[in-house]
Amino acid sequence: MTQASVTVSARIPPVTVMLRGLLRREFFARMFASVPLTTLGRRLLRRPARPAKAAPMQGSDLLTITLRVNGRAERLSIDPRVTLLDALRNQLQLTGTKKGCDHGQCGACTVHVDGRRVLSCLTLAAMAQEKAITTIEGIAEGDRLHPVQQAFLDHDGFQCGYCTPGQIMSAVALLKEPCGPGNDEVRECMSGNICRCGAYPNIVAAIQSIRGVPATGA
């Protein structure tokens, strides 16, 4: 080793000597303090701004509507932005209609509007004014279950049951829609309803039993 190298190494203390006596947090504090502010500024500027929450409407801003739900006229004062799903659950306490993804992808919120199945999470309550709305609470006749409800029980068409109201509402509508006789056609017609438990074979069997088609049919 040359005299020059000995001199240089003597001037630069080893890392172990530099860290001696420093707490770990002090070391990192000093290290981050050396990062240029311009670099930190660029990183902060790249962060997307959080969207501001819309303020709830009050008084004269509310919209008064009438919803015909399960044969009853319900008069509501709502924010014009309220979905049919939230109006049913939060204001009419019809909680059988479930909020799943809230993006129209799972089908748990399916109800009937004028006899057609719709995703209530994507439907504004104001758009359903004066239309005939049917929820899962309205398909039975008193204590007598709808045939599709009974078929789901008979064929064990559910596990956790969260998706079941939407599945049943879609199945009831399917009976009045042009759907082929086979299992594959039923699966296609029910494809908008997701069951995370995977009870699809039993759901198809329940629907086919109502239609008079063997569940094992092509």
Protein backbone atom coordinates (compact mmCIF):
# COMPACT_ATOMS: atom_id res chain seq x y z
CA MET A 1 0.00 0.00 0.00
CA THR A 2 1.37 3.38 -1.00
CA GLN A 3 1.82 6.32 1.33
CA ALA A 4 -0.93 8.24 -0.56
CA SER A 5 -3.52 5.49 -0.10
CA VAL A 6 -2.72 5.22 3.60
CA THR A 7 -3.23 8.96 3.98
CA VAL A 8 -6.61 8.93 2.16
CA SER A 9 -7.97 5.95 4.08
CA ALA A 10 -6.92 7.57 7.33
CA ARG A 11 -8.98 10.65 6.47
CA ILE A 12 -12.17 8.67 5.62
CA PRO A 13 -13.44 6.79 8.70
CA PRO A 14 -15.10 3.37 8.18
CA VAL A 15 -18.91 3.18 8.07
CA THR A 16 -18.95 1.42 11.43
CA VAL A 17 -17.18 4.40 12.96
CA MET A 18 -19.59 6.86 11.26
CA LEU A 19 -22.66 5.02 12.65
CA ARG A 20 -21.20 4.60 16.13
CA GLY A 21 -23.26 6.49 18.65
CA LEU A 22 -26.07 7.23 16.16
CA LEU A 23 -29.54 5.86 16.69
CA ARG A 24 -31.07 4.15 13.67
CA ARG A 25 -33.74 6.81 13.27
CA GLU A 26 -31.13 9.55 13.47
CA PHE A 27 -29.15 7.91 10.69
CA PHE A 28 -32.17 7.73 8.38
CA ALA A 29 -33.22 11.25 9.29
CA ARG A 30 -29.82 12.56 8.23
CA MET A 31 -29.86 10.40 5.09
CA PHE A 32 -33.28 11.65 3.93
CA ALA A 33 -32.38 15.21 4.81
CA SER A 34 -29.75 15.00 2.10
CA VAL A 35 -32.34 14.26 -0.63
CA PRO A 36 -32.79 17.35 -2.83
CA LEU A 37 -36.07 19.17 -2.25
CA THR A 38 -36.64 19.37 -6.00
CA THR A 39 -36.81 15.57 -6.20
CA LEU A 40 -39.32 15.34 -3.36
CA GLY A 41 -41.33 18.15 -4.93
CA ARG A 42 -41.59 16.32 -8.25
CA ARG A 43 -42.80 13.16 -6.51
CA LEU A 44 -45.44 15.06 -4.57
CA LEU A 45 -46.65 16.83 -7.70
CA ARG A 46 -47.12 13.48 -9.44
CA ARG A 47 -49.59 12.33 -6.80
CA PRO A 48 -53.20 12.59 -8.05
CA ALA A 49 -55.36 15.04 -6.16
CA ARG A 50 -58.18 13.59 -4.11
CA PRO A 51 -61.59 14.41 -5.60
CA ALA A 52 -63.70 16.68 -3.45
CA LYS A 53 -66.78 15.08 -1.93
CA ALA A 54 -70.07 16.44 -3.17
CA ALA A 55 -71.96 18.28 -0.46
CA PRO A 56 -75.35 16.80 0.45
CA MET A 57 -78.31 18.75 -0.86
CA GLN A 58 -80.84 20.28 1.49
CA GLY A 59 -84.21 21.98 1.43
CA SER A 60 -85.21 23.32 -1.95
CA ASP A 61 -82.44 21.34 -3.67
CA LEU A 62 -84.19 18.03 -2.89
CA LEU A 63 -86.40 16.35 -5.45
CA THR A 64 -89.82 14.99 -4.48
CA ILE A 65 -90.76 11.82 -6.34
CA THR A 66 -93.23 8.96 -6.09
CA LEU A 67 -92.00 5.40 -6.44
CA ARG A 68 -94.47 2.55 -6.92
CA VAL A 69 -92.73 -0.25 -5.07
CA ASN A 70 -94.30 -3.69 -4.66
CA GLY A 71 -97.74 -2.25 -5.34
CA ARG A 72 -97.46 0.68 -2.94
CA ALA A 73 -96.92 4.34 -3.76
CA GLU A 74 -94.00 5.77 -1.80
CA ARG A 75 -93.40 9.53 -1.77
CA LEU A 76 -89.78 10.48 -1.17
CA SER A 77 -87.67 13.63 -0.98
CA ILE A 78 -84.27 12.72 -2.39
CA ASP A 79 -81.06 14.14 -3.72
CA PRO A 80 -81.42 13.95 -7.55
CA ARG A 81 -78.17 11.97 -7.61
CA VAL A 82 -79.50 9.14 -5.41
CA THR A 83 -79.64 5.73 -7.06
CA LEU A 84 -82.68 3.52 -6.96
CA LEU A 85 -80.67 1.04 -4.89
CA ASP A 86 -79.91 3.58 -2.17
CA ALA A 87 -83.48 4.89 -2.16
CA LEU A 88 -84.82 1.37 -1.68
CA ARG A 89 -82.35 0.41 1.03
CA ASN A 90 -81.84 3.65 2.95
CA GLN A 91 -85.19 5.39 2.68
CA LEU A 92 -87.69 2.56 2.23
CA GLN A 93 -85.73 0.02 4.33
CA LEU A 94 -86.11 -2.66 1.64
CA THR A 95 -82.73 -4.20 2.36
CA GLY A 96 -83.38 -7.46 0.52
CA THR A 97 -81.88 -5.78 -2.54
CA LYS A 98 -78.14 -6.01 -1.92
CA LYS A 99 -75.34 -3.56 -2.63
CA GLY A 100 -72.46 -5.60 -3.98
CA CYS A 101 -69.94 -4.01 -6.33
CA ASP A 102 -72.00 -0.80 -6.76
CA HIS A 103 -70.65 -0.67 -10.34
CA GLY A 104 -73.23 -2.77 -12.20
CA GLN A 105 -71.01 -5.83 -12.49
CA CYS A 106 -72.27 -8.35 -9.90
CA GLY A 107 -76.07 -8.25 -10.26
CA ALA A 108 -76.77 -8.36 -6.50
CA CYS A 109 -78.91 -5.22 -6.81
CA THR A 110 -81.23 -6.57 -9.54
CA VAL A 111 -84.87 -5.44 -9.33
CA HIS A 112 -87.72 -5.26 -11.84
CA VAL A 113 -88.86 -1.96 -13.32
CA ASP A 114 -92.02 -2.26 -15.40
CA GLY A 115 -91.45 -6.00 -15.58
CA ARG A 116 -87.85 -5.83 -16.81
CA ARG A 117 -84.80 -6.57 -14.73
CA VAL A 118 -82.51 -3.61 -14.12
CA LEU A 119 -79.41 -2.93 -12.05
CA SER A 120 -80.65 -0.57 -9.39
CA CYS A 121 -77.14 0.66 -8.54
CA LEU A 122 -76.89 2.15 -12.05
CA THR A 123 -80.44 3.55 -12.12
CA LEU A 124 -81.26 6.95 -10.71
CA ALA A 125 -84.29 6.84 -8.43
CA ALA A 126 -85.75 9.81 -10.31
CA MET A 127 -85.71 7.77 -13.54
CA ALA A 128 -87.98 5.16 -11.96
CA GLN A 129 -90.65 7.64 -10.89
CA GLU A 130 -94.23 6.39 -11.42
CA LYS A 131 -92.92 3.08 -12.79
CA ALA A 132 -93.80 -0.30 -11.32
CA ILE A 133 -90.85 -1.46 -9.20
CA THR A 134 -90.65 -4.98 -7.79
CA THR A 135 -88.02 -6.05 -5.27
CA ILE A 136 -87.30 -9.43 -3.72
CA GLU A 137 -89.73 -8.54 -0.92
CA GLY A 138 -92.58 -8.25 -3.42
CA ILE A 139 -92.52 -11.51 -5.40
CA ALA A 140 -94.01 -13.85 -2.79
CA GLU A 141 -97.76 -14.02 -2.20
CA GLY A 142 -98.14 -13.62 1.52
CA ASP A 143 -96.52 -16.62 3.18
CA ARG A 144 -96.39 -18.50 -0.11
CA LEU A 145 -92.99 -18.29 -1.77
CA HIS A 146 -92.59 -17.55 -5.46
CA PRO A 147 -91.89 -20.79 -7.37
CA VAL A 148 -88.35 -19.62 -8.11
CA GLN A 149 -87.72 -18.96 -4.42
CA GLN A 150 -88.97 -22.45 -3.59
CA ALA A 151 -86.83 -23.96 -6.36
CA PHE A 152 -83.71 -22.27 -4.95
CA LEU A 153 -84.50 -23.87 -1.59
CA ASP A 154 -85.21 -27.28 -3.10
CA HIS A 155 -82.02 -27.30 -5.18
CA ASP A 156 -79.77 -25.57 -2.64
CA GLY A 157 -79.14 -22.72 -5.05
CA PHE A 158 -77.22 -20.59 -2.57
CA GLN A 159 -74.49 -20.76 0.04
CA CYS A 160 -73.75 -17.45 1.79
CA GLY A 161 -76.96 -16.06 0.28
CA TYR A 162 -75.71 -12.53 -0.42
CA CYS A 163 -76.21 -12.78 -4.19
CA THR A 164 -79.42 -14.81 -3.89
CA PRO A 165 -81.97 -11.93 -4.08
CA GLY A 166 -80.41 -10.69 -7.32
CA GLN A 167 -80.13 -14.23 -8.69
CA ILE A 168 -83.80 -14.88 -7.96
CA MET A 169 -84.96 -11.58 -9.46
CA SER A 170 -83.00 -12.32 -12.64
CA ALA A 171 -84.36 -15.88 -12.76
CA VAL A 172 -87.95 -14.65 -12.39
CA ALA A 173 -87.40 -12.24 -15.29
CA LEU A 174 -85.71 -14.97 -17.34
CA LEU A 175 -88.92 -17.03 -17.29
CA LYS A 176 -90.60 -14.31 -19.37
CA GLU A 177 -87.65 -13.65 -21.68
CA PRO A 178 -86.62 -15.44 -24.89
CA CYS A 179 -84.09 -17.92 -23.53
CA GLY A 180 -83.17 -21.20 -25.16
CA PRO A 181 -83.97 -24.52 -23.47
CA GLY A 182 -80.43 -25.69 -22.71
CA ASN A 183 -78.26 -25.14 -19.65
CA ASP A 184 -75.81 -23.08 -21.67
CA GLU A 185 -78.57 -20.68 -22.69
CA VAL A 186 -79.62 -20.31 -19.06
CA ARG A 187 -76.04 -19.62 -18.05
CA GLU A 188 -75.80 -16.94 -20.73
CA CYS A 189 -79.06 -15.32 -19.62
CA MET A 190 -77.85 -15.34 -16.01
CA SER A 191 -74.31 -14.22 -16.80
CA GLY A 192 -74.87 -10.77 -15.28
CA ASN A 193 -75.24 -12.28 -11.82
CA ILE A 194 -72.09 -13.33 -9.99
CA CYS A 195 -72.04 -15.94 -7.21
CA ARG A 196 -68.72 -15.85 -5.35
CA CYS A 197 -69.59 -19.13 -3.62
CA GLY A 198 -69.83 -20.90 -6.99
CA ALA A 199 -73.37 -22.26 -6.62
CA TYR A 200 -73.95 -21.99 -10.38
CA PRO A 201 -74.84 -25.67 -11.08
CA ASN A 202 -77.54 -25.60 -8.40
CA ILE A 203 -78.83 -22.23 -9.62
CA VAL A 204 -79.17 -23.61 -13.15
CA ALA A 205 -80.88 -26.73 -11.77
CA ALA A 206 -83.35 -24.56 -9.84
CA ILE A 207 -84.22 -22.50 -12.92
CA GLN A 208 -84.51 -25.52 -15.19
CA SER A 209 -86.83 -27.25 -12.73
CA ILE A 210 -89.26 -24.36 -13.10
CA ARG A 211 -88.95 -24.49 -16.87
CA GLY A 212 -89.52 -28.24 -16.91
CA VAL A 213 -86.09 -28.96 -18.41
CA PRO A 214 -83.76 -31.58 -16.84
CA ALA A 215 -80.72 -29.86 -15.33
CA THR A 216 -78.45 -32.39 -17.06
CA GLY A 217 -79.84 -31.51 -20.47
CA ALA A 218 -77.61 -30.00 -23.15
